[in-house]
Amino acid sequence: MPTDRNALVRDVRCFNRLYTGLIGLLDETLTHSAYTLTEARVLFELGHRPVHIGADVGGRTGFLARAFQLDLGPAASDIAREFQLDPAHVTRILRKFSAAGLTETRAGIDGLHRRVLSLSTRGQAALAALQAAADRDVARLTAGLGDEQAAELSDMLTRVRYLLGGAEL
C-alpha cells in the first residue's frame, strides 16, 4: 500500500488507463450505440432522477431552465454542475434528445408557466437498451472470475466508492 501520495496518484492513473481500455470508454460511442458516453450519462440521469424535477432550490432557476422556460430543476442544471459539464453542451444534448423523441415536456404541478422534462417512452426504451448493453459488457468482462474472486471484486469496488465518494459500506 503506497504511503507516498505520488505513488497513489500513479496507481490510480494506471488503474484508470486499464479500466477505460477494458470497458471501451475511449471509443467514440458507448457500447456501439448512437450515444457518446456523456449523452448516455445524461440519458441515464434523466431516467433516474425523481419525477418531481421542479424543485427551485433557493428560489433561483438555473440557466438551462430559464433558457428553455422549463422546469429542468435538478435535471439539466444539476447534471451540468454535478458532472462538471458546460451547460451549453447539456443544452445541445437535450435538443438532440428532443429531436429524436427521447424526451418530452409536460405541464408542471402548478400547470401555469412551469414545464417538466422527462424521458418519453422512446427515451425509456433507449435507456433500457443502453443499460442492457452495459450490463452485458460488464458480465463479459467479469465472466472469467470465480465466485470468490467476484465477491472480492465487488467488496473492493464498494470500498473504493466509500473511500472516494463517501458512499456507505
N, C-alpha and C. Protein backbone atom coordinates (compact mmCIF):
# COMPACT_ATOMS: atom_id res chain seq x y z
N MET A 1 0.85 -1.18 0.00
CA MET A 1 0.00 0.00 0.00
C MET A 1 0.89 1.23 0.00
N PRO A 2 0.77 2.08 -1.02
CA PRO A 2 1.66 3.24 -1.08
C PRO A 2 1.29 4.29 -0.04
N THR A 3 2.29 4.76 0.69
CA THR A 3 2.06 5.87 1.60
C THR A 3 2.43 7.18 0.92
N ASP A 4 3.24 7.07 -0.13
CA ASP A 4 3.63 8.23 -0.93
C ASP A 4 2.46 8.64 -1.81
N ARG A 5 1.99 9.87 -1.69
CA ARG A 5 0.83 10.34 -2.47
C ARG A 5 1.11 10.31 -3.96
N ASN A 6 2.36 10.55 -4.36
CA ASN A 6 2.69 10.47 -5.79
C ASN A 6 2.52 9.05 -6.31
N ALA A 7 2.87 8.07 -5.48
CA ALA A 7 2.69 6.67 -5.87
C ALA A 7 1.20 6.35 -5.96
N LEU A 8 0.42 6.89 -5.05
CA LEU A 8 -1.03 6.69 -5.09
C LEU A 8 -1.61 7.27 -6.38
N VAL A 9 -1.18 8.47 -6.73
CA VAL A 9 -1.64 9.10 -7.97
C VAL A 9 -1.28 8.22 -9.16
N ARG A 10 -0.06 7.72 -9.21
CA ARG A 10 0.36 6.83 -10.31
C ARG A 10 -0.50 5.57 -10.35
N ASP A 11 -0.78 5.00 -9.18
CA ASP A 11 -1.59 3.78 -9.12
C ASP A 11 -3.01 4.02 -9.61
N VAL A 12 -3.62 5.12 -9.20
CA VAL A 12 -4.98 5.43 -9.64
C VAL A 12 -5.01 5.66 -11.15
N ARG A 13 -4.04 6.42 -11.65
CA ARG A 13 -3.99 6.69 -13.09
C ARG A 13 -3.73 5.41 -13.88
N CYS A 14 -2.90 4.54 -13.37
CA CYS A 14 -2.64 3.25 -14.02
C CYS A 14 -3.93 2.43 -14.09
N PHE A 15 -4.66 2.39 -12.98
CA PHE A 15 -5.94 1.68 -12.96
C PHE A 15 -6.91 2.30 -13.96
N ASN A 16 -6.98 3.64 -13.98
CA ASN A 16 -7.88 4.32 -14.91
C ASN A 16 -7.57 3.95 -16.36
N ARG A 17 -6.30 3.91 -16.72
CA ARG A 17 -5.93 3.55 -18.09
C ARG A 17 -6.37 2.12 -18.39
N LEU A 18 -6.14 1.21 -17.46
CA LEU A 18 -6.56 -0.18 -17.64
C LEU A 18 -8.07 -0.26 -17.80
N TYR A 19 -8.80 0.37 -16.89
CA TYR A 19 -10.26 0.25 -16.88
C TYR A 19 -10.90 0.90 -18.09
N THR A 20 -10.45 2.10 -18.47
CA THR A 20 -11.05 2.76 -19.63
C THR A 20 -10.83 1.93 -20.89
N GLY A 21 -9.69 1.26 -20.99
CA GLY A 21 -9.45 0.38 -22.13
C GLY A 21 -10.32 -0.87 -22.08
N LEU A 22 -10.47 -1.45 -20.89
CA LEU A 22 -11.27 -2.67 -20.74
C LEU A 22 -12.73 -2.46 -21.11
N ILE A 23 -13.29 -1.32 -20.71
CA ILE A 23 -14.71 -1.12 -20.96
C ILE A 23 -14.99 -0.24 -22.17
N GLY A 24 -13.94 0.13 -22.90
CA GLY A 24 -14.14 0.84 -24.16
C GLY A 24 -14.54 2.29 -24.03
N LEU A 25 -14.14 2.96 -22.96
CA LEU A 25 -14.51 4.36 -22.80
C LEU A 25 -13.84 5.27 -23.82
N LEU A 26 -12.78 4.78 -24.44
CA LEU A 26 -12.11 5.61 -25.43
C LEU A 26 -12.78 5.53 -26.79
N ASP A 27 -13.73 4.59 -26.94
CA ASP A 27 -14.50 4.54 -28.18
C ASP A 27 -15.35 5.79 -28.26
N GLU A 28 -15.70 6.19 -29.46
CA GLU A 28 -16.46 7.42 -29.63
C GLU A 28 -17.88 7.29 -29.10
N THR A 29 -18.44 6.11 -29.13
CA THR A 29 -19.79 5.92 -28.63
C THR A 29 -19.79 4.84 -27.55
N LEU A 30 -20.80 4.87 -26.73
CA LEU A 30 -20.91 3.91 -25.64
C LEU A 30 -21.58 2.64 -26.14
N THR A 31 -20.97 1.53 -25.89
CA THR A 31 -21.48 0.20 -26.27
C THR A 31 -21.98 0.16 -27.70
N HIS A 32 -21.24 0.80 -28.59
CA HIS A 32 -21.55 0.82 -30.02
C HIS A 32 -22.97 1.31 -30.29
N SER A 33 -23.39 2.30 -29.52
CA SER A 33 -24.72 2.87 -29.69
C SER A 33 -24.60 4.19 -30.45
N ALA A 34 -25.69 4.89 -30.56
CA ALA A 34 -25.70 6.20 -31.21
C ALA A 34 -25.30 7.31 -30.25
N TYR A 35 -24.94 6.96 -29.01
CA TYR A 35 -24.71 7.97 -27.98
C TYR A 35 -23.27 7.96 -27.49
N THR A 36 -22.77 9.17 -27.26
CA THR A 36 -21.47 9.29 -26.62
C THR A 36 -21.63 8.93 -25.14
N LEU A 37 -20.52 8.77 -24.45
CA LEU A 37 -20.58 8.49 -23.02
C LEU A 37 -21.33 9.60 -22.28
N THR A 38 -21.06 10.85 -22.62
CA THR A 38 -21.74 11.97 -21.96
C THR A 38 -23.23 11.94 -22.23
N GLU A 39 -23.61 11.70 -23.48
CA GLU A 39 -25.03 11.64 -23.81
C GLU A 39 -25.71 10.49 -23.07
N ALA A 40 -25.05 9.35 -23.02
CA ALA A 40 -25.62 8.20 -22.31
C ALA A 40 -25.79 8.52 -20.83
N ARG A 41 -24.84 9.24 -20.24
CA ARG A 41 -24.95 9.58 -18.83
C ARG A 41 -26.09 10.55 -18.59
N VAL A 42 -26.26 11.53 -19.48
CA VAL A 42 -27.38 12.47 -19.34
C VAL A 42 -28.70 11.72 -19.47
N LEU A 43 -28.78 10.80 -20.42
CA LEU A 43 -30.00 9.99 -20.58
C LEU A 43 -30.27 9.20 -19.30
N PHE A 44 -29.22 8.59 -18.75
CA PHE A 44 -29.34 7.83 -17.50
C PHE A 44 -29.86 8.73 -16.37
N GLU A 45 -29.27 9.90 -16.25
CA GLU A 45 -29.68 10.80 -15.16
C GLU A 45 -31.12 11.26 -15.33
N LEU A 46 -31.53 11.55 -16.55
CA LEU A 46 -32.93 11.94 -16.77
C LEU A 46 -33.88 10.80 -16.41
N GLY A 47 -33.45 9.58 -16.67
CA GLY A 47 -34.28 8.43 -16.37
C GLY A 47 -34.30 8.02 -14.91
N HIS A 48 -33.33 8.49 -14.13
CA HIS A 48 -33.23 8.05 -12.74
C HIS A 48 -33.38 9.14 -11.71
N ARG A 49 -33.58 10.34 -12.14
CA ARG A 49 -33.81 11.42 -11.18
C ARG A 49 -35.28 11.44 -10.83
N PRO A 50 -35.63 11.96 -9.67
CA PRO A 50 -37.05 11.99 -9.27
C PRO A 50 -37.90 12.70 -10.30
N VAL A 51 -39.14 12.25 -10.44
CA VAL A 51 -40.07 12.85 -11.39
C VAL A 51 -40.38 14.29 -11.01
N HIS A 52 -40.33 14.60 -9.74
CA HIS A 52 -40.63 15.96 -9.30
C HIS A 52 -39.41 16.86 -9.50
N ILE A 53 -38.93 16.94 -10.75
CA ILE A 53 -37.73 17.69 -11.01
C ILE A 53 -37.99 19.18 -11.06
N GLY A 54 -39.01 19.62 -10.39
CA GLY A 54 -39.35 21.02 -10.44
C GLY A 54 -38.88 21.83 -9.26
N ALA A 55 -38.16 21.23 -8.35
CA ALA A 55 -37.72 21.96 -7.17
C ALA A 55 -36.84 23.13 -7.57
N ASP A 56 -37.21 24.31 -7.13
CA ASP A 56 -36.46 25.51 -7.44
C ASP A 56 -35.68 25.88 -6.19
N VAL A 57 -34.51 25.28 -6.02
CA VAL A 57 -33.72 25.42 -4.81
C VAL A 57 -33.32 26.87 -4.60
N GLY A 58 -33.62 27.39 -3.44
CA GLY A 58 -33.24 28.75 -3.09
C GLY A 58 -33.95 29.82 -3.90
N GLY A 59 -35.04 29.47 -4.61
CA GLY A 59 -35.76 30.46 -5.38
C GLY A 59 -35.07 30.87 -6.66
N ARG A 60 -34.02 30.17 -7.04
CA ARG A 60 -33.30 30.52 -8.26
C ARG A 60 -33.41 29.39 -9.26
N THR A 61 -33.88 29.69 -10.44
CA THR A 61 -33.97 28.72 -11.51
C THR A 61 -32.66 28.76 -12.27
N GLY A 62 -32.16 27.58 -12.67
CA GLY A 62 -30.90 27.50 -13.38
C GLY A 62 -30.94 28.06 -14.78
N PHE A 63 -29.77 28.27 -15.34
CA PHE A 63 -29.61 28.81 -16.70
C PHE A 63 -30.41 28.01 -17.71
N LEU A 64 -30.29 26.68 -17.67
CA LEU A 64 -30.97 25.85 -18.67
C LEU A 64 -32.48 25.93 -18.53
N ALA A 65 -32.94 25.97 -17.30
CA ALA A 65 -34.39 26.06 -17.09
C ALA A 65 -34.92 27.38 -17.65
N ARG A 66 -34.19 28.45 -17.42
CA ARG A 66 -34.62 29.73 -17.96
C ARG A 66 -34.55 29.73 -19.48
N ALA A 67 -33.50 29.16 -20.04
CA ALA A 67 -33.31 29.16 -21.49
C ALA A 67 -34.45 28.44 -22.20
N PHE A 68 -34.90 27.33 -21.63
CA PHE A 68 -35.96 26.55 -22.25
C PHE A 68 -37.34 26.90 -21.72
N GLN A 69 -37.40 27.77 -20.71
CA GLN A 69 -38.63 28.05 -19.99
C GLN A 69 -39.24 26.74 -19.52
N LEU A 70 -38.36 25.90 -19.02
CA LEU A 70 -38.76 24.60 -18.50
C LEU A 70 -38.37 24.50 -17.05
N ASP A 71 -39.04 23.64 -16.37
CA ASP A 71 -38.66 23.34 -15.02
C ASP A 71 -37.73 22.14 -15.08
N LEU A 72 -36.47 22.41 -15.42
CA LEU A 72 -35.50 21.33 -15.54
C LEU A 72 -34.92 20.99 -14.18
N GLY A 73 -35.30 21.76 -13.20
CA GLY A 73 -34.98 21.51 -11.82
C GLY A 73 -33.68 20.82 -11.62
N PRO A 74 -33.63 19.70 -10.89
CA PRO A 74 -32.32 19.13 -10.76
C PRO A 74 -31.85 18.48 -12.04
N ALA A 75 -32.72 18.28 -13.00
CA ALA A 75 -32.33 17.56 -14.21
C ALA A 75 -31.14 18.22 -14.89
N ALA A 76 -31.35 19.16 -15.77
CA ALA A 76 -30.27 19.69 -16.61
C ALA A 76 -29.24 20.49 -15.84
N SER A 77 -29.68 21.45 -15.06
CA SER A 77 -28.72 22.29 -14.35
C SER A 77 -27.87 21.48 -13.38
N ASP A 78 -28.49 20.59 -12.64
CA ASP A 78 -27.73 19.77 -11.70
C ASP A 78 -26.82 18.78 -12.41
N ILE A 79 -27.27 18.23 -13.52
CA ILE A 79 -26.42 17.32 -14.28
C ILE A 79 -25.17 18.06 -14.75
N ALA A 80 -25.36 19.26 -15.29
CA ALA A 80 -24.22 20.04 -15.76
C ALA A 80 -23.26 20.33 -14.60
N ARG A 81 -23.80 20.72 -13.48
CA ARG A 81 -22.97 21.06 -12.32
C ARG A 81 -22.31 19.80 -11.74
N GLU A 82 -23.10 18.75 -11.55
CA GLU A 82 -22.60 17.54 -10.91
C GLU A 82 -21.48 16.87 -11.71
N PHE A 83 -21.59 16.89 -13.03
CA PHE A 83 -20.59 16.22 -13.86
C PHE A 83 -19.62 17.20 -14.49
N GLN A 84 -19.66 18.45 -14.01
CA GLN A 84 -18.76 19.50 -14.46
C GLN A 84 -18.78 19.63 -15.99
N LEU A 85 -20.00 19.69 -16.53
CA LEU A 85 -20.19 19.85 -17.96
C LEU A 85 -20.60 21.29 -18.26
N ASP A 86 -20.25 21.72 -19.44
CA ASP A 86 -20.67 23.04 -19.89
C ASP A 86 -22.19 23.01 -20.06
N PRO A 87 -22.91 23.94 -19.42
CA PRO A 87 -24.37 23.95 -19.56
C PRO A 87 -24.83 24.01 -21.02
N ALA A 88 -24.07 24.69 -21.85
CA ALA A 88 -24.43 24.76 -23.27
C ALA A 88 -24.33 23.38 -23.91
N HIS A 89 -23.37 22.58 -23.48
CA HIS A 89 -23.22 21.22 -24.01
C HIS A 89 -24.42 20.37 -23.60
N VAL A 90 -24.84 20.50 -22.35
CA VAL A 90 -26.03 19.77 -21.89
C VAL A 90 -27.25 20.24 -22.68
N THR A 91 -27.33 21.52 -22.95
CA THR A 91 -28.43 22.05 -23.76
C THR A 91 -28.46 21.40 -25.14
N ARG A 92 -27.29 21.28 -25.77
CA ARG A 92 -27.22 20.63 -27.10
C ARG A 92 -27.65 19.17 -27.01
N ILE A 93 -27.24 18.49 -25.95
CA ILE A 93 -27.65 17.10 -25.77
C ILE A 93 -29.16 17.00 -25.63
N LEU A 94 -29.74 17.89 -24.83
CA LEU A 94 -31.19 17.87 -24.63
C LEU A 94 -31.93 18.18 -25.92
N ARG A 95 -31.39 19.07 -26.72
CA ARG A 95 -32.01 19.36 -28.02
C ARG A 95 -31.94 18.13 -28.92
N LYS A 96 -30.81 17.44 -28.92
CA LYS A 96 -30.67 16.21 -29.71
C LYS A 96 -31.69 15.17 -29.24
N PHE A 97 -31.82 15.02 -27.93
CA PHE A 97 -32.79 14.07 -27.38
C PHE A 97 -34.21 14.45 -27.79
N SER A 98 -34.52 15.73 -27.71
CA SER A 98 -35.85 16.19 -28.07
C SER A 98 -36.14 15.91 -29.55
N ALA A 99 -35.18 16.20 -30.41
CA ALA A 99 -35.36 15.97 -31.84
C ALA A 99 -35.53 14.48 -32.15
N ALA A 100 -34.92 13.63 -31.36
CA ALA A 100 -35.03 12.18 -31.56
C ALA A 100 -36.25 11.60 -30.86
N GLY A 101 -37.01 12.43 -30.17
CA GLY A 101 -38.20 11.95 -29.47
C GLY A 101 -37.90 11.21 -28.18
N LEU A 102 -36.72 11.46 -27.60
CA LEU A 102 -36.35 10.76 -26.37
C LEU A 102 -36.85 11.45 -25.11
N THR A 103 -37.17 12.73 -25.24
CA THR A 103 -37.66 13.47 -24.07
C THR A 103 -39.01 14.08 -24.40
N GLU A 104 -39.70 14.46 -23.35
CA GLU A 104 -40.97 15.14 -23.51
C GLU A 104 -41.09 16.16 -22.40
N THR A 105 -41.88 17.16 -22.65
CA THR A 105 -42.17 18.14 -21.61
C THR A 105 -43.66 18.11 -21.37
N ARG A 106 -44.01 18.39 -20.15
CA ARG A 106 -45.42 18.43 -19.80
C ARG A 106 -45.62 19.52 -18.78
N ALA A 107 -46.84 19.89 -18.57
CA ALA A 107 -47.15 20.94 -17.60
C ALA A 107 -46.70 20.49 -16.22
N GLY A 108 -46.14 21.41 -15.49
CA GLY A 108 -45.72 21.13 -14.13
C GLY A 108 -46.89 21.07 -13.18
N ILE A 109 -46.60 20.93 -11.94
CA ILE A 109 -47.63 20.79 -10.91
C ILE A 109 -48.55 21.99 -10.88
N ASP A 110 -47.95 23.19 -11.03
CA ASP A 110 -48.78 24.39 -10.97
C ASP A 110 -49.58 24.61 -12.26
N GLY A 111 -49.20 23.90 -13.34
CA GLY A 111 -49.95 23.96 -14.59
C GLY A 111 -49.87 25.28 -15.32
N LEU A 112 -49.09 26.20 -14.82
CA LEU A 112 -49.03 27.51 -15.46
C LEU A 112 -47.79 27.60 -16.37
N HIS A 113 -46.79 28.29 -15.91
CA HIS A 113 -45.62 28.54 -16.74
C HIS A 113 -44.57 27.45 -16.64
N ARG A 114 -44.60 26.68 -15.60
CA ARG A 114 -43.57 25.68 -15.38
C ARG A 114 -43.84 24.44 -16.22
N ARG A 115 -42.77 23.89 -16.80
CA ARG A 115 -42.88 22.66 -17.58
C ARG A 115 -41.83 21.71 -17.06
N VAL A 116 -42.11 20.42 -17.12
CA VAL A 116 -41.23 19.40 -16.58
C VAL A 116 -40.66 18.57 -17.72
N LEU A 117 -39.37 18.31 -17.66
CA LEU A 117 -38.68 17.50 -18.66
C LEU A 117 -38.56 16.08 -18.15
N SER A 118 -38.88 15.09 -18.99
CA SER A 118 -38.73 13.69 -18.62
C SER A 118 -38.46 12.87 -19.86
N LEU A 119 -38.10 11.61 -19.67
CA LEU A 119 -37.90 10.71 -20.80
C LEU A 119 -39.25 10.29 -21.35
N SER A 120 -39.34 10.25 -22.66
CA SER A 120 -40.53 9.72 -23.32
C SER A 120 -40.45 8.19 -23.28
N THR A 121 -41.46 7.54 -23.79
CA THR A 121 -41.43 6.08 -23.90
C THR A 121 -40.23 5.65 -24.74
N ARG A 122 -40.00 6.37 -25.83
CA ARG A 122 -38.84 6.07 -26.69
C ARG A 122 -37.53 6.28 -25.93
N GLY A 123 -37.46 7.33 -25.12
CA GLY A 123 -36.27 7.60 -24.31
C GLY A 123 -36.04 6.51 -23.27
N GLN A 124 -37.12 6.05 -22.64
CA GLN A 124 -37.01 4.96 -21.67
C GLN A 124 -36.51 3.68 -22.34
N ALA A 125 -36.99 3.43 -23.57
CA ALA A 125 -36.53 2.24 -24.31
C ALA A 125 -35.05 2.37 -24.68
N ALA A 126 -34.64 3.58 -25.10
CA ALA A 126 -33.22 3.79 -25.44
C ALA A 126 -32.34 3.60 -24.22
N LEU A 127 -32.79 4.11 -23.08
CA LEU A 127 -32.04 3.94 -21.84
C LEU A 127 -31.97 2.47 -21.45
N ALA A 128 -33.06 1.76 -21.54
CA ALA A 128 -33.07 0.33 -21.20
C ALA A 128 -32.11 -0.45 -22.10
N ALA A 129 -32.06 -0.10 -23.39
CA ALA A 129 -31.14 -0.78 -24.32
C ALA A 129 -29.70 -0.49 -23.95
N LEU A 130 -29.39 0.76 -23.60
CA LEU A 130 -28.04 1.11 -23.19
C LEU A 130 -27.63 0.38 -21.92
N GLN A 131 -28.55 0.33 -20.96
CA GLN A 131 -28.24 -0.35 -19.70
C GLN A 131 -28.04 -1.85 -19.92
N ALA A 132 -28.84 -2.45 -20.76
CA ALA A 132 -28.69 -3.88 -21.05
C ALA A 132 -27.35 -4.15 -21.72
N ALA A 133 -26.96 -3.29 -22.65
CA ALA A 133 -25.68 -3.46 -23.34
C ALA A 133 -24.52 -3.30 -22.36
N ALA A 134 -24.60 -2.30 -21.49
CA ALA A 134 -23.56 -2.08 -20.49
C ALA A 134 -23.48 -3.27 -19.53
N ASP A 135 -24.64 -3.80 -19.12
CA ASP A 135 -24.66 -4.97 -18.24
C ASP A 135 -24.00 -6.17 -18.93
N ARG A 136 -24.29 -6.36 -20.21
CA ARG A 136 -23.66 -7.47 -20.96
C ARG A 136 -22.15 -7.29 -21.03
N ASP A 137 -21.71 -6.05 -21.26
CA ASP A 137 -20.27 -5.79 -21.34
C ASP A 137 -19.57 -6.12 -20.03
N VAL A 138 -20.16 -5.70 -18.91
CA VAL A 138 -19.55 -5.97 -17.61
C VAL A 138 -19.61 -7.47 -17.30
N ALA A 139 -20.70 -8.13 -17.66
CA ALA A 139 -20.81 -9.57 -17.45
C ALA A 139 -19.71 -10.30 -18.22
N ARG A 140 -19.45 -9.86 -19.47
CA ARG A 140 -18.36 -10.46 -20.26
C ARG A 140 -17.01 -10.18 -19.61
N LEU A 141 -16.82 -8.98 -19.13
CA LEU A 141 -15.57 -8.58 -18.50
C LEU A 141 -15.26 -9.42 -17.27
N THR A 142 -16.29 -9.78 -16.52
CA THR A 142 -16.09 -10.49 -15.26
C THR A 142 -16.40 -11.99 -15.37
N ALA A 143 -16.69 -12.47 -16.56
CA ALA A 143 -17.10 -13.87 -16.74
C ALA A 143 -16.03 -14.86 -16.28
N GLY A 144 -14.78 -14.51 -16.39
CA GLY A 144 -13.70 -15.43 -16.02
C GLY A 144 -13.41 -15.50 -14.54
N LEU A 145 -14.10 -14.70 -13.76
CA LEU A 145 -13.86 -14.71 -12.31
C LEU A 145 -14.66 -15.82 -11.65
N GLY A 146 -14.02 -16.48 -10.70
CA GLY A 146 -14.74 -17.45 -9.89
C GLY A 146 -15.60 -16.72 -8.88
N ASP A 147 -16.44 -17.47 -8.17
CA ASP A 147 -17.35 -16.86 -7.20
C ASP A 147 -16.61 -16.06 -6.14
N GLU A 148 -15.51 -16.62 -5.63
CA GLU A 148 -14.75 -15.95 -4.59
C GLU A 148 -14.11 -14.66 -5.14
N GLN A 149 -13.58 -14.74 -6.35
CA GLN A 149 -12.98 -13.55 -6.96
C GLN A 149 -14.04 -12.49 -7.25
N ALA A 150 -15.21 -12.91 -7.71
CA ALA A 150 -16.29 -11.97 -7.99
C ALA A 150 -16.72 -11.25 -6.71
N ALA A 151 -16.83 -12.00 -5.62
CA ALA A 151 -17.20 -11.40 -4.34
C ALA A 151 -16.11 -10.44 -3.86
N GLU A 152 -14.85 -10.83 -4.04
CA GLU A 152 -13.74 -9.97 -3.65
C GLU A 152 -13.74 -8.67 -4.47
N LEU A 153 -13.95 -8.79 -5.77
CA LEU A 153 -14.01 -7.60 -6.63
C LEU A 153 -15.17 -6.70 -6.20
N SER A 154 -16.31 -7.27 -5.95
CA SER A 154 -17.47 -6.50 -5.52
C SER A 154 -17.16 -5.75 -4.22
N ASP A 155 -16.55 -6.45 -3.26
CA ASP A 155 -16.18 -5.81 -2.00
C ASP A 155 -15.18 -4.67 -2.21
N MET A 156 -14.21 -4.90 -3.11
CA MET A 156 -13.21 -3.87 -3.38
C MET A 156 -13.85 -2.64 -4.04
N LEU A 157 -14.75 -2.87 -4.97
CA LEU A 157 -15.41 -1.75 -5.64
C LEU A 157 -16.25 -0.94 -4.65
N THR A 158 -16.92 -1.64 -3.75
CA THR A 158 -17.68 -0.97 -2.70
C THR A 158 -16.75 -0.13 -1.83
N ARG A 159 -15.61 -0.69 -1.51
CA ARG A 159 -14.63 0.03 -0.67
C ARG A 159 -14.10 1.26 -1.40
N VAL A 160 -13.81 1.14 -2.69
CA VAL A 160 -13.33 2.29 -3.48
C VAL A 160 -14.39 3.38 -3.51
N ARG A 161 -15.64 3.01 -3.75
CA ARG A 161 -16.72 4.02 -3.75
C ARG A 161 -16.78 4.72 -2.40
N TYR A 162 -16.62 3.96 -1.33
CA TYR A 162 -16.65 4.53 0.00
C TYR A 162 -15.49 5.51 0.19
N LEU A 163 -14.29 5.08 -0.19
CA LEU A 163 -13.10 5.90 0.04
C LEU A 163 -13.10 7.17 -0.83
N LEU A 164 -13.60 7.08 -2.03
CA LEU A 164 -13.52 8.22 -2.94
C LEU A 164 -14.80 9.04 -3.00
N GLY A 165 -15.92 8.43 -2.66
CA GLY A 165 -17.16 9.16 -2.82
C GLY A 165 -17.99 9.30 -1.58
N GLY A 166 -17.59 8.69 -0.51
CA GLY A 166 -18.34 8.82 0.71
C GLY A 166 -19.54 7.91 0.82
N ALA A 167 -19.71 6.99 -0.13
CA ALA A 167 -20.84 6.05 -0.03
C ALA A 167 -20.64 5.17 1.19
N GLU A 168 -21.75 4.78 1.79
CA GLU A 168 -21.66 3.94 2.98
C GLU A 168 -21.27 2.52 2.61
N LEU A 169 -20.57 1.88 3.52
CA LEU A 169 -20.18 0.47 3.32
C LEU A 169 -21.31 -0.46 3.70
